[in-house]
Amino acid sequence: MSRKKSEPGLRRLTTEKANVGAIDLDLKPALGIARTISAEDAKVAAAVKRALPKIARAIDLIADAFREGGRLIYVGAGTSGRIAALDAVECPPTFNIDPRAVQFVMSGGLKALGVALESNEDSRQLGQRAIAKKKPRPSDVVVGISASGRTPFTVAALTYARRHGAHTIAVTCNRNSPLEKAADLAIVAKVGPEVIAGSTRMKAGTAQKMVLNMLSTGVMIRLGHVYGNLMASLRLKNTKLLERGIGILQRTKGVDRNRAQRTLKAAANHVPTALIMLEAGVSPAQAEHALRATRGHVRKAIAFASRSK
């Protein structure tokens, strides 16, 4: 599609329209600019809230896929791709999951995370080729992220994934977009025009970050990697995380620091094992057995270990 033909369609999108609340933005003092941006940002949470039923459906869909050994694969370009990459790479250290479980496909590849490569996002062929390398299968969920909902790279990747049996989800900020039509399920957060017309790294980007946070965090909660509201499965890779692990044990069971440290050491610094040991009053071996029996679901493992004593 030529640039001349595509521009009118682009201008009709709400994310591309001029924001009447930001007229003469360049004439405002710094505080006026900040107030205008802040007022628009306040609308994002409401837009995401309206999409909560769809977000909940997506959480359950992805959690079911994980239980079947599937993967969550994000696909995006530009800001959307970078937000997706951020969410994907933070899941393994936060929830101690296999890095292959949550992946991302970025238009332009890893280089595009630090350098803008906008031309790549216009290629449907590159989108198909990039997702094909991941070999999507029926147990996978592929999530396409695009503020406009019309990015050819992302639409083509989602179409390919769906054709090969994967479950597909669209995350966008415009209704009735090609991306929405290419997906099994669409999450649409209508944030409206940006403060700077078309700068979707702003409200649209914030909305997408919120949605992806809900998806990945919600899935990990459903899978039992969170106990109460505590990061029960985190990796203790540095001093800060070690202290967080000790704090989790202290808050959960009310034990003193020395006992928390001793239990964590006996559990080979594995927080879920230590939690089960304290809550169920079992040995490290019994706690590990309970985790295996419940596929890593901490709360279910505590109940299992308590019954098996």
C-alpha atoms as a PDB file:
ATOM      1  CA  MET A   1       0.000   0.000   0.000  1.00  0.00           C
ATOM      2  CA  SER A   2       1.431   3.381  -0.958  1.00  0.00           C
ATOM      3  CA  ARG A   3       2.034   6.169   1.537  1.00  0.00           C
ATOM      4  CA  LYS A   4      -0.480   8.414  -0.260  1.00  0.00           C
ATOM      5  CA  LYS A   5      -3.257   5.811   0.034  1.00  0.00           C
ATOM      6  CA  SER A   6      -2.531   4.866   3.652  1.00  0.00           C
ATOM      7  CA  GLU A   7      -2.425   8.353   5.193  1.00  0.00           C
ATOM      8  CA  PRO A   8      -6.161   9.200   5.048  1.00  0.00           C
ATOM      9  CA  GLY A   9      -7.015   5.928   6.805  1.00  0.00           C
ATOM     10  CA  LEU A  10      -4.387   6.629   9.447  1.00  0.00           C
ATOM     11  CA  ARG A  11      -5.736  10.117  10.125  1.00  0.00           C
ATOM     12  CA  ARG A  12      -9.173   8.699  10.904  1.00  0.00           C
ATOM     13  CA  LEU A  13      -7.822   6.788  13.915  1.00  0.00           C
ATOM     14  CA  THR A  14      -8.572   8.362  17.284  1.00  0.00           C
ATOM     15  CA  THR A  15      -4.941   7.977  18.335  1.00  0.00           C
ATOM     16  CA  GLU A  16      -3.912  10.148  15.363  1.00  0.00           C
ATOM     17  CA  LYS A  17      -6.407  12.986  15.825  1.00  0.00           C
ATOM     18  CA  ALA A  18      -5.555  16.387  17.281  1.00  0.00           C
ATOM     19  CA  ASN A  19      -6.278  16.695  20.986  1.00  0.00           C
ATOM     20  CA  VAL A  20      -8.452  19.782  21.544  1.00  0.00           C
ATOM     21  CA  GLY A  21      -7.279  19.927  25.156  1.00  0.00           C
ATOM     22  CA  ALA A  22      -3.704  20.476  24.040  1.00  0.00           C
ATOM     23  CA  ILE A  23      -4.185  23.370  21.625  1.00  0.00           C
ATOM     24  CA  ASP A  24      -1.270  25.847  21.813  1.00  0.00           C
ATOM     25  CA  LEU A  25       0.674  23.394  23.948  1.00  0.00           C
ATOM     26  CA  ASP A  26       3.909  24.960  22.773  1.00  0.00           C
ATOM     27  CA  LEU A  27       2.870  28.310  24.273  1.00  0.00           C
ATOM     28  CA  LYS A  28       2.426  26.929  27.793  1.00  0.00           C
ATOM     29  CA  PRO A  29       5.017  27.168  30.572  1.00  0.00           C
ATOM     30  CA  ALA A  30       6.568  23.958  31.896  1.00  0.00           C
ATOM     31  CA  LEU A  31       3.947  23.571  34.628  1.00  0.00           C
ATOM     32  CA  GLY A  32       1.150  24.054  32.081  1.00  0.00           C
ATOM     33  CA  ILE A  33       2.676  21.368  29.846  1.00  0.00           C
ATOM     34  CA  ALA A  34       2.992  18.981  32.776  1.00  0.00           C
ATOM     35  CA  ARG A  35      -0.606  19.645  33.863  1.00  0.00           C
ATOM     36  CA  THR A  36      -1.927  19.007  30.356  1.00  0.00           C
ATOM     37  CA  ILE A  37      -0.044  15.741  30.010  1.00  0.00           C
ATOM     38  CA  SER A  38      -1.077  14.674  33.512  1.00  0.00           C
ATOM     39  CA  ALA A  39      -4.746  15.392  32.805  1.00  0.00           C
ATOM     40  CA  GLU A  40      -4.616  13.226  29.686  1.00  0.00           C
ATOM     41  CA  ASP A  41      -2.697  10.454  31.461  1.00  0.00           C
ATOM     42  CA  ALA A  42      -5.474  10.308  34.061  1.00  0.00           C
ATOM     43  CA  LYS A  43      -7.807   9.033  31.324  1.00  0.00           C
ATOM     44  CA  VAL A  44      -5.721   5.939  30.620  1.00  0.00           C
ATOM     45  CA  ALA A  45      -6.743   3.899  33.664  1.00  0.00           C
ATOM     46  CA  ALA A  46     -10.425   4.411  32.838  1.00  0.00           C
ATOM     47  CA  ALA A  47      -9.853   3.214  29.272  1.00  0.00           C
ATOM     48  CA  VAL A  48      -8.083   0.088  30.498  1.00  0.00           C
ATOM     49  CA  LYS A  49     -10.798  -0.504  33.109  1.00  0.00           C
ATOM     50  CA  ARG A  50     -13.414  -0.733  30.356  1.00  0.00           C
ATOM     51  CA  ALA A  51     -11.395  -3.571  28.828  1.00  0.00           C
ATOM     52  CA  LEU A  52     -11.109  -5.628  32.041  1.00  0.00           C
ATOM     53  CA  PRO A  53     -13.555  -8.408  31.010  1.00  0.00           C
ATOM     54  CA  LYS A  54     -11.470  -9.077  27.883  1.00  0.00           C
ATOM     55  CA  ILE A  55      -8.243  -8.882  29.891  1.00  0.00           C
ATOM     56  CA  ALA A  56      -9.616 -11.467  32.325  1.00  0.00           C
ATOM     57  CA  ARG A  57     -10.495 -13.800  29.451  1.00  0.00           C
ATOM     58  CA  ALA A  58      -6.978 -13.389  28.089  1.00  0.00           C
ATOM     59  CA  ILE A  59      -5.426 -14.201  31.481  1.00  0.00           C
ATOM     60  CA  ASP A  60      -7.336 -17.475  31.698  1.00  0.00           C
ATOM     61  CA  LEU A  61      -6.547 -18.331  28.080  1.00  0.00           C
ATOM     62  CA  ILE A  62      -2.811 -17.825  28.602  1.00  0.00           C
ATOM     63  CA  ALA A  63      -2.793 -19.656  31.943  1.00  0.00           C
ATOM     64  CA  ASP A  64      -4.506 -22.649  30.310  1.00  0.00           C
ATOM     65  CA  ALA A  65      -1.905 -22.584  27.541  1.00  0.00           C
ATOM     66  CA  PHE A  66       0.937 -22.647  30.064  1.00  0.00           C
ATOM     67  CA  ARG A  67      -0.625 -25.636  31.820  1.00  0.00           C
ATOM     68  CA  GLU A  68      -0.478 -27.448  28.466  1.00  0.00           C
ATOM     69  CA  GLY A  69       3.179 -26.586  28.007  1.00  0.00           C
ATOM     70  CA  GLY A  70       2.518 -23.656  25.666  1.00  0.00           C
ATOM     71  CA  ARG A  71       4.205 -20.287  25.397  1.00  0.00           C
ATOM     72  CA  LEU A  72       3.190 -16.649  25.491  1.00  0.00           C
ATOM     73  CA  ILE A  73       4.687 -14.840  22.499  1.00  0.00           C
ATOM     74  CA  TYR A  74       4.382 -11.068  22.165  1.00  0.00           C
ATOM     75  CA  VAL A  75       4.679  -9.415  18.741  1.00  0.00           C
ATOM     76  CA  GLY A  76       5.091  -5.698  18.177  1.00  0.00           C
ATOM     77  CA  ALA A  77       6.904  -2.862  16.440  1.00  0.00           C
ATOM     78  CA  GLY A  78       8.323   0.421  17.688  1.00  0.00           C
ATOM     79  CA  THR A  79       7.036   1.485  21.106  1.00  0.00           C
ATOM     80  CA  SER A  80       4.627  -1.444  21.256  1.00  0.00           C
ATOM     81  CA  GLY A  81       7.415  -3.920  20.579  1.00  0.00           C
ATOM     82  CA  ARG A  82       9.697  -2.389  23.198  1.00  0.00           C
ATOM     83  CA  ILE A  83       6.939  -2.490  25.825  1.00  0.00           C
ATOM     84  CA  ALA A  84       6.311  -6.128  24.930  1.00  0.00           C
ATOM     85  CA  ALA A  85      10.021  -6.947  25.178  1.00  0.00           C
ATOM     86  CA  LEU A  86      10.212  -5.315  28.610  1.00  0.00           C
ATOM     87  CA  ASP A  87       7.326  -7.390  29.931  1.00  0.00           C
ATOM     88  CA  ALA A  88       8.731 -10.609  28.479  1.00  0.00           C
ATOM     89  CA  VAL A  89      12.255 -10.264  29.863  1.00  0.00           C
ATOM     90  CA  GLU A  90      11.040  -9.339  33.347  1.00  0.00           C
ATOM     91  CA  CYS A  91       8.893 -12.461  33.798  1.00  0.00           C
ATOM     92  CA  PRO A  92      11.702 -15.017  34.396  1.00  0.00           C
ATOM     93  CA  PRO A  93      13.467 -13.124  37.226  1.00  0.00           C
ATOM     94  CA  THR A  94      10.201 -12.064  38.866  1.00  0.00           C
ATOM     95  CA  PHE A  95       8.455 -15.431  38.762  1.00  0.00           C
ATOM     96  CA  ASN A  96      11.366 -17.844  38.268  1.00  0.00           C
ATOM     97  CA  ILE A  97       9.916 -19.320  35.083  1.00  0.00           C
ATOM     98  CA  ASP A  98      11.675 -20.785  32.067  1.00  0.00           C
ATOM     99  CA  PRO A  99      12.844 -17.872  29.845  1.00  0.00           C
ATOM    100  CA  ARG A 100      11.332 -19.714  26.881  1.00  0.00           C
ATOM    101  CA  ALA A 101       7.841 -19.489  28.396  1.00  0.00           C
ATOM    102  CA  VAL A 102       7.382 -15.782  27.621  1.00  0.00           C
ATOM    103  CA  GLN A 103       9.021 -14.538  24.436  1.00  0.00           C
ATOM    104  CA  PHE A 104       8.839 -11.527  22.155  1.00  0.00           C
ATOM    105  CA  VAL A 105       9.127 -10.833  18.453  1.00  0.00           C
ATOM    106  CA  MET A 106      10.258  -7.301  17.644  1.00  0.00           C
ATOM    107  CA  SER A 107      10.090  -5.689  14.236  1.00  0.00           C
ATOM    108  CA  GLY A 108      13.713  -5.036  13.311  1.00  0.00           C
ATOM    109  CA  GLY A 109      15.009  -7.628  15.773  1.00  0.00           C
ATOM    110  CA  LEU A 110      17.016  -6.959  18.918  1.00  0.00           C
ATOM    111  CA  LYS A 111      18.749  -3.981  17.314  1.00  0.00           C
ATOM    112  CA  ALA A 112      15.387  -2.167  17.144  1.00  0.00           C
ATOM    113  CA  LEU A 113      15.158  -2.168  20.942  1.00  0.00           C
ATOM    114  CA  GLY A 114      17.761   0.578  21.019  1.00  0.00           C
ATOM    115  CA  VAL A 115      17.580   2.079  17.540  1.00  0.00           C
ATOM    116  CA  ALA A 116      14.400   3.057  15.697  1.00  0.00           C
ATOM    117  CA  LEU A 117      13.918   0.924  12.558  1.00  0.00           C
ATOM    118  CA  GLU A 118      10.470   2.101  11.511  1.00  0.00           C
ATOM    119  CA  SER A 119      10.598   0.853   7.927  1.00  0.00           C
ATOM    120  CA  ASN A 120      10.537  -2.789   9.027  1.00  0.00           C
ATOM    121  CA  GLU A 121       7.071  -2.460  10.543  1.00  0.00           C
ATOM    122  CA  ASP A 122       5.534  -1.903   7.089  1.00  0.00           C
ATOM    123  CA  SER A 123       6.568  -5.358   5.872  1.00  0.00           C
ATOM    124  CA  ARG A 124       4.025  -8.163   6.134  1.00  0.00           C
ATOM    125  CA  GLN A 125       6.619 -10.577   4.822  1.00  0.00           C
ATOM    126  CA  LEU A 126       9.039  -9.750   7.631  1.00  0.00           C
ATOM    127  CA  GLY A 127       6.230 -10.205  10.183  1.00  0.00           C
ATOM    128  CA  GLN A 128       5.388 -13.657   8.849  1.00  0.00           C
ATOM    129  CA  ARG A 129       9.034 -14.624   8.682  1.00  0.00           C
ATOM    130  CA  ALA A 130       9.734 -13.460  12.243  1.00  0.00           C
ATOM    131  CA  ILE A 131       6.848 -15.347  13.850  1.00  0.00           C
ATOM    132  CA  ALA A 132       7.505 -18.416  11.680  1.00  0.00           C
ATOM    133  CA  LYS A 133      10.900 -18.738  13.393  1.00  0.00           C
ATOM    134  CA  LYS A 134       9.036 -19.259  16.671  1.00  0.00           C
ATOM    135  CA  LYS A 135       7.055 -22.156  15.141  1.00  0.00           C
ATOM    136  CA  PRO A 136       3.720 -21.237  16.766  1.00  0.00           C
ATOM    137  CA  ARG A 137       1.556 -24.206  17.700  1.00  0.00           C
ATOM    138  CA  PRO A 138      -1.950 -24.802  19.117  1.00  0.00           C
ATOM    139  CA  SER A 139      -0.699 -24.744  22.714  1.00  0.00           C
ATOM    140  CA  ASP A 140       0.761 -21.228  22.286  1.00  0.00           C
ATOM    141  CA  VAL A 141      -0.818 -17.805  22.717  1.00  0.00           C
ATOM    142  CA  VAL A 142       0.460 -15.036  20.442  1.00  0.00           C
ATOM    143  CA  VAL A 143      -0.336 -11.468  21.481  1.00  0.00           C
ATOM    144  CA  GLY A 144      -0.042  -8.724  18.865  1.00  0.00           C
ATOM    145  CA  ILE A 145       0.445  -5.205  20.237  1.00  0.00           C
ATOM    146  CA  SER A 146      -0.177  -2.124  18.102  1.00  0.00           C
ATOM    147  CA  ALA A 147      -1.604   1.233  19.174  1.00  0.00           C
ATOM    148  CA  SER A 148      -3.104   1.875  15.751  1.00  0.00           C
ATOM    149  CA  GLY A 149      -4.080  -1.739  15.188  1.00  0.00           C
ATOM    150  CA  ARG A 150      -2.916  -1.498  11.590  1.00  0.00           C
ATOM    151  CA  THR A 151       0.856  -2.212  11.721  1.00  0.00           C
ATOM    152  CA  PRO A 152       1.444  -4.616   8.779  1.00  0.00           C
ATOM    153  CA  PHE A 153       4.310  -6.480  10.515  1.00  0.00           C
ATOM    154  CA  THR A 154       2.174  -7.245  13.573  1.00  0.00           C
ATOM    155  CA  VAL A 155      -1.053  -7.995  11.702  1.00  0.00           C
ATOM    156  CA  ALA A 156       0.749 -10.442   9.400  1.00  0.00           C
ATOM    157  CA  ALA A 157       2.480 -12.169  12.315  1.00  0.00           C
ATOM    158  CA  LEU A 158      -0.800 -12.624  14.173  1.00  0.00           C
ATOM    159  CA  THR A 159      -2.539 -13.874  11.026  1.00  0.00           C
ATOM    160  CA  TYR A 160       0.232 -16.433  10.477  1.00  0.00           C
ATOM    161  CA  ALA A 161       0.103 -17.620  14.089  1.00  0.00           C
ATOM    162  CA  ARG A 162      -3.672 -18.037  14.011  1.00  0.00           C
ATOM    163  CA  ARG A 163      -3.473 -19.938  10.736  1.00  0.00           C
ATOM    164  CA  HIS A 164      -1.052 -22.358  12.404  1.00  0.00           C
ATOM    165  CA  GLY A 165      -3.391 -23.051  15.300  1.00  0.00           C
ATOM    166  CA  ALA A 166      -2.105 -20.698  17.988  1.00  0.00           C
ATOM    167  CA  HIS A 167      -4.553 -18.707  20.092  1.00  0.00           C
ATOM    168  CA  THR A 168      -4.274 -15.034  19.185  1.00  0.00           C
ATOM    169  CA  ILE A 169      -4.931 -11.835  21.134  1.00  0.00           C
ATOM    170  CA  ALA A 170      -4.828  -8.230  19.910  1.00  0.00           C
ATOM    171  CA  VAL A 171      -3.907  -5.331  22.194  1.00  0.00           C
ATOM    172  CA  THR A 172      -4.724  -2.017  20.552  1.00  0.00           C
ATOM    173  CA  CYS A 173      -6.166   1.450  21.145  1.00  0.00           C
ATOM    174  CA  ASN A 174      -8.498   1.717  18.140  1.00  0.00           C
ATOM    175  CA  ARG A 175     -11.655  -0.255  17.452  1.00  0.00           C
ATOM    176  CA  ASN A 176     -12.370  -2.312  14.315  1.00  0.00           C
ATOM    177  CA  SER A 177      -8.741  -2.434  13.296  1.00  0.00           C
ATOM    178  CA  PRO A 178      -7.089  -5.060  11.069  1.00  0.00           C
ATOM    179  CA  LEU A 179      -5.285  -6.410  14.145  1.00  0.00           C
ATOM    180  CA  GLU A 180      -8.558  -6.833  16.033  1.00  0.00           C
ATOM    181  CA  LYS A 181     -10.043  -8.688  13.066  1.00  0.00           C
ATOM    182  CA  ALA A 182      -6.981 -10.952  12.835  1.00  0.00           C
ATOM    183  CA  ALA A 183      -7.252 -12.063  16.477  1.00  0.00           C
ATOM    184  CA  ASP A 184      -9.404 -14.541  18.371  1.00  0.00           C
ATOM    185  CA  LEU A 185      -9.739 -12.023  21.201  1.00  0.00           C
ATOM    186  CA  ALA A 186      -9.208  -8.249  21.149  1.00  0.00           C
ATOM    187  CA  ILE A 187      -8.345  -5.990  24.074  1.00  0.00           C
ATOM    188  CA  VAL A 188      -9.081  -2.407  23.029  1.00  0.00           C
ATOM    189  CA  ALA A 189      -8.172   0.469  25.333  1.00  0.00           C
ATOM    190  CA  LYS A 190      -9.573   3.612  23.707  1.00  0.00           C
ATOM    191  CA  VAL A 191      -7.387   6.340  25.179  1.00  0.00           C
ATOM    192  CA  GLY A 192      -8.334   8.968  22.583  1.00  0.00           C
ATOM    193  CA  PRO A 193      -6.087  11.562  20.918  1.00  0.00           C
ATOM    194  CA  GLU A 194      -2.587  12.057  22.247  1.00  0.00           C
ATOM    195  CA  VAL A 195      -1.291  15.312  23.721  1.00  0.00           C
ATOM    196  CA  ILE A 196       1.096  15.397  20.774  1.00  0.00           C
ATOM    197  CA  ALA A 197      -0.988  14.127  17.869  1.00  0.00           C
ATOM    198  CA  GLY A 198       0.051  10.628  16.856  1.00  0.00           C
ATOM    199  CA  SER A 199       2.706  10.230  19.566  1.00  0.00           C
ATOM    200  CA  THR A 200       1.422   6.866  20.747  1.00  0.00           C
ATOM    201  CA  ARG A 201       4.395   6.329  23.033  1.00  0.00           C
ATOM    202  CA  MET A 202       2.356   8.451  25.458  1.00  0.00           C
ATOM    203  CA  LYS A 203      -1.225   7.478  26.467  1.00  0.00           C
ATOM    204  CA  ALA A 204      -1.419   4.503  24.125  1.00  0.00           C
ATOM    205  CA  GLY A 205       1.974   3.268  25.311  1.00  0.00           C
ATOM    206  CA  THR A 206       0.934   3.640  28.937  1.00  0.00           C
ATOM    207  CA  ALA A 207      -2.278   1.711  28.270  1.00  0.00           C
ATOM    208  CA  GLN A 208      -0.396  -1.093  26.548  1.00  0.00           C
ATOM    209  CA  LYS A 209       2.090  -1.316  29.433  1.00  0.00           C
ATOM    210  CA  MET A 210      -0.818  -1.567  31.891  1.00  0.00           C
ATOM    211  CA  VAL A 211      -2.527  -4.285  29.867  1.00  0.00           C
ATOM    212  CA  LEU A 212       0.618  -6.393  29.473  1.00  0.00           C
ATOM    213  CA  ASN A 213       1.377  -6.010  33.187  1.00  0.00           C
ATOM    214  CA  MET A 214      -2.099  -7.355  33.949  1.00  0.00           C
ATOM    215  CA  LEU A 215      -1.758 -10.234  31.495  1.00  0.00           C
ATOM    216  CA  SER A 216       1.609 -11.580  32.637  1.00  0.00           C
ATOM    217  CA  THR A 217       1.068 -10.889  36.340  1.00  0.00           C
ATOM    218  CA  GLY A 218      -2.467 -12.282  36.270  1.00  0.00           C
ATOM    219  CA  VAL A 219      -1.256 -15.452  34.564  1.00  0.00           C
ATOM    220  CA  MET A 220       1.521 -15.977  37.107  1.00  0.00           C
ATOM    221  CA  ILE A 221      -0.938 -15.497  39.959  1.00  0.00           C
ATOM    222  CA  ARG A 222      -3.296 -18.051  38.410  1.00  0.00           C
ATOM    223  CA  LEU A 223      -0.398 -20.502  38.083  1.00  0.00           C
ATOM    224  CA  GLY A 224       0.500 -20.128  41.772  1.00  0.00           C
ATOM    225  CA  HIS A 225       3.761 -18.198  41.499  1.00  0.00           C
ATOM    226  CA  VAL A 226       2.329 -15.584  43.861  1.00  0.00           C
ATOM    227  CA  TYR A 227       1.347 -16.373  47.451  1.00  0.00           C
ATOM    228  CA  GLY A 228      -1.125 -13.835  48.795  1.00  0.00           C
ATOM    229  CA  ASN A 229       0.375 -10.795  47.150  1.00  0.00           C
ATOM    230  CA  LEU A 230       3.989 -11.860  47.651  1.00  0.00           C
ATOM    231  CA  MET A 231       6.512 -12.710  44.936  1.00  0.00           C
ATOM    232  CA  ALA A 232       6.781 -16.299  46.116  1.00  0.00           C
ATOM    233  CA  SER A 233       8.856 -17.635  43.207  1.00  0.00           C
ATOM    234  CA  LEU A 234      11.415 -14.884  42.684  1.00  0.00           C
ATOM    235  CA  ARG A 235      15.050 -15.743  41.954  1.00  0.00           C
ATOM    236  CA  LEU A 236      17.526 -14.739  44.659  1.00  0.00           C
ATOM    237  CA  LYS A 237      20.247 -13.538  42.292  1.00  0.00           C
ATOM    238  CA  ASN A 238      21.553 -10.555  44.251  1.00  0.00           C
ATOM    239  CA  THR A 239      21.589  -9.010  47.730  1.00  0.00           C
ATOM    240  CA  LYS A 240      18.383  -7.038  47.201  1.00  0.00           C
ATOM    241  CA  LEU A 241      16.476 -10.137  46.096  1.00  0.00           C
ATOM    242  CA  LEU A 242      17.921 -12.212  48.932  1.00  0.00           C
ATOM    243  CA  GLU A 243      16.660  -9.622  51.404  1.00  0.00           C
ATOM    244  CA  ARG A 244      13.272  -9.661  49.686  1.00  0.00           C
ATOM    245  CA  GLY A 245      13.135 -13.448  50.020  1.00  0.00           C
ATOM    246  CA  ILE A 246      13.914 -13.266  53.738  1.00  0.00           C
ATOM    247  CA  GLY A 247      11.254 -10.575  54.132  1.00  0.00           C
ATOM    248  CA  ILE A 248       8.656 -12.741  52.369  1.00  0.00           C
ATOM    249  CA  LEU A 249       9.253 -15.584  54.819  1.00  0.00           C
ATOM    250  CA  GLN A 250       9.088 -13.233  57.789  1.00  0.00           C
ATOM    251  CA  ARG A 251       5.842 -11.612  56.649  1.00  0.00           C
ATOM    252  CA  THR A 252       4.188 -14.874  55.723  1.00  0.00           C
ATOM    253  CA  LYS A 253       4.844 -16.851  58.895  1.00  0.00           C
ATOM    254  CA  GLY A 254       5.866 -14.126  61.318  1.00  0.00           C
ATOM    255  CA  VAL A 255       9.209 -15.766  62.060  1.00  0.00           C
ATOM    256  CA  ASP A 256      12.299 -13.825  63.072  1.00  0.00           C
ATOM    257  CA  ARG A 257      15.086 -13.053  60.648  1.00  0.00           C
ATOM    258  CA  ASN A 258      17.396 -15.835  61.892  1.00  0.00           C
ATOM    259  CA  ARG A 259      14.787 -18.536  61.377  1.00  0.00           C
ATOM    260  CA  ALA A 260      13.905 -17.165  57.961  1.00  0.00           C
ATOM    261  CA  GLN A 261      17.577 -17.262  56.964  1.00  0.00           C
ATOM    262  CA  ARG A 262      18.050 -20.802  58.285  1.00  0.00           C
ATOM    263  CA  THR A 263      14.975 -22.052  56.481  1.00  0.00           C
ATOM    264  CA  LEU A 264      16.022 -20.388  53.236  1.00  0.00           C
ATOM    265  CA  LYS A 265      19.473 -21.948  53.507  1.00  0.00           C
ATOM    266  CA  ALA A 266      17.964 -25.397  54.140  1.00  0.00           C
ATOM    267  CA  ALA A 267      15.799 -24.862  51.050  1.00  0.00           C
ATOM    268  CA  ALA A 268      18.892 -24.068  48.937  1.00  0.00           C
ATOM    269  CA  ASN A 269      17.695 -20.454  48.650  1.00  0.00           C
ATOM    270  CA  HIS A 270      14.488 -21.575  46.933  1.00  0.00           C
ATOM    271  CA  VAL A 271      11.742 -19.343  48.306  1.00  0.00           C
ATOM    272  CA  PRO A 272       8.741 -21.586  47.415  1.00  0.00           C
ATOM    273  CA  THR A 273      10.369 -24.560  49.158  1.00  0.00           C
ATOM    274  CA  ALA A 274      11.130 -22.458  52.219  1.00  0.00           C
ATOM    275  CA  LEU A 275       7.562 -21.130  52.313  1.00  0.00           C
ATOM    276  CA  ILE A 276       6.108 -24.629  52.227  1.00  0.00           C
ATOM    277  CA  MET A 277       8.526 -25.786  54.924  1.00  0.00           C
ATOM    278  CA  LEU A 278       7.377 -23.019  57.247  1.00  0.00           C
ATOM    279  CA  GLU A 279       3.667 -23.081  56.454  1.00  0.00           C
ATOM    280  CA  ALA A 280       3.260 -26.875  56.443  1.00  0.00           C
ATOM    281  CA  GLY A 281       5.991 -27.779  58.922  1.00  0.00           C
ATOM    282  CA  VAL A 282       7.725 -30.208  56.581  1.00  0.00           C
ATOM    283  CA  SER A 283      11.262 -31.047  55.457  1.00  0.00           C
ATOM    284  CA  PRO A 284      12.893 -29.642  52.318  1.00  0.00           C
ATOM    285  CA  ALA A 285      12.366 -32.961  50.535  1.00  0.00           C
ATOM    286  CA  GLN A 286       8.676 -33.023  51.425  1.00  0.00           C
ATOM    287  CA  ALA A 287       8.264 -29.426  50.310  1.00  0.00           C
ATOM    288  CA  GLU A 288       9.967 -30.141  46.982  1.00  0.00           C
ATOM    289  CA  HIS A 289       7.737 -33.187  46.443  1.00  0.00           C
ATOM    290  CA  ALA A 290       4.643 -31.057  47.105  1.00  0.00           C
ATOM    291  CA  LEU A 291       5.805 -28.487  44.550  1.00  0.00           C
ATOM    292  CA  ARG A 292       6.318 -31.151  41.903  1.00  0.00           C
ATOM    293  CA  ALA A 293       2.921 -32.694  42.657  1.00  0.00           C
ATOM    294  CA  THR A 294       1.164 -29.351  42.208  1.00  0.00           C
ATOM    295  CA  ARG A 295       3.224 -28.148  39.225  1.00  0.00           C
ATOM    296  CA  GLY A 296       4.799 -25.325  41.202  1.00  0.00           C
ATOM    297  CA  HIS A 297       1.580 -23.848  42.623  1.00  0.00           C
ATOM    298  CA  VAL A 298       2.729 -22.592  46.023  1.00  0.00           C
ATOM    299  CA  ARG A 299      -0.619 -22.405  47.818  1.00  0.00           C
ATOM    300  CA  LYS A 300      -1.729 -25.804  46.526  1.00  0.00           C
ATOM    301  CA  ALA A 301       1.673 -27.241  47.472  1.00  0.00           C
ATOM    302  CA  ILE A 302       1.272 -26.003  51.064  1.00  0.00           C
ATOM    303  CA  ALA A 303      -2.113 -27.717  51.287  1.00  0.00           C
ATOM    304  CA  PHE A 304      -0.699 -30.890  49.710  1.00  0.00           C
ATOM    305  CA  ALA A 305       2.266 -30.984  52.103  1.00  0.00           C
ATOM    306  CA  SER A 306       0.021 -30.374  55.120  1.00  0.00           C
ATOM    307  CA  ARG A 307      -2.206 -33.308  54.178  1.00  0.00           C
ATOM    308  CA  SER A 308       0.734 -35.593  53.467  1.00  0.00           C
ATOM    309  CA  LYS A 309       2.574 -35.191  56.757  1.00  0.00           C
END
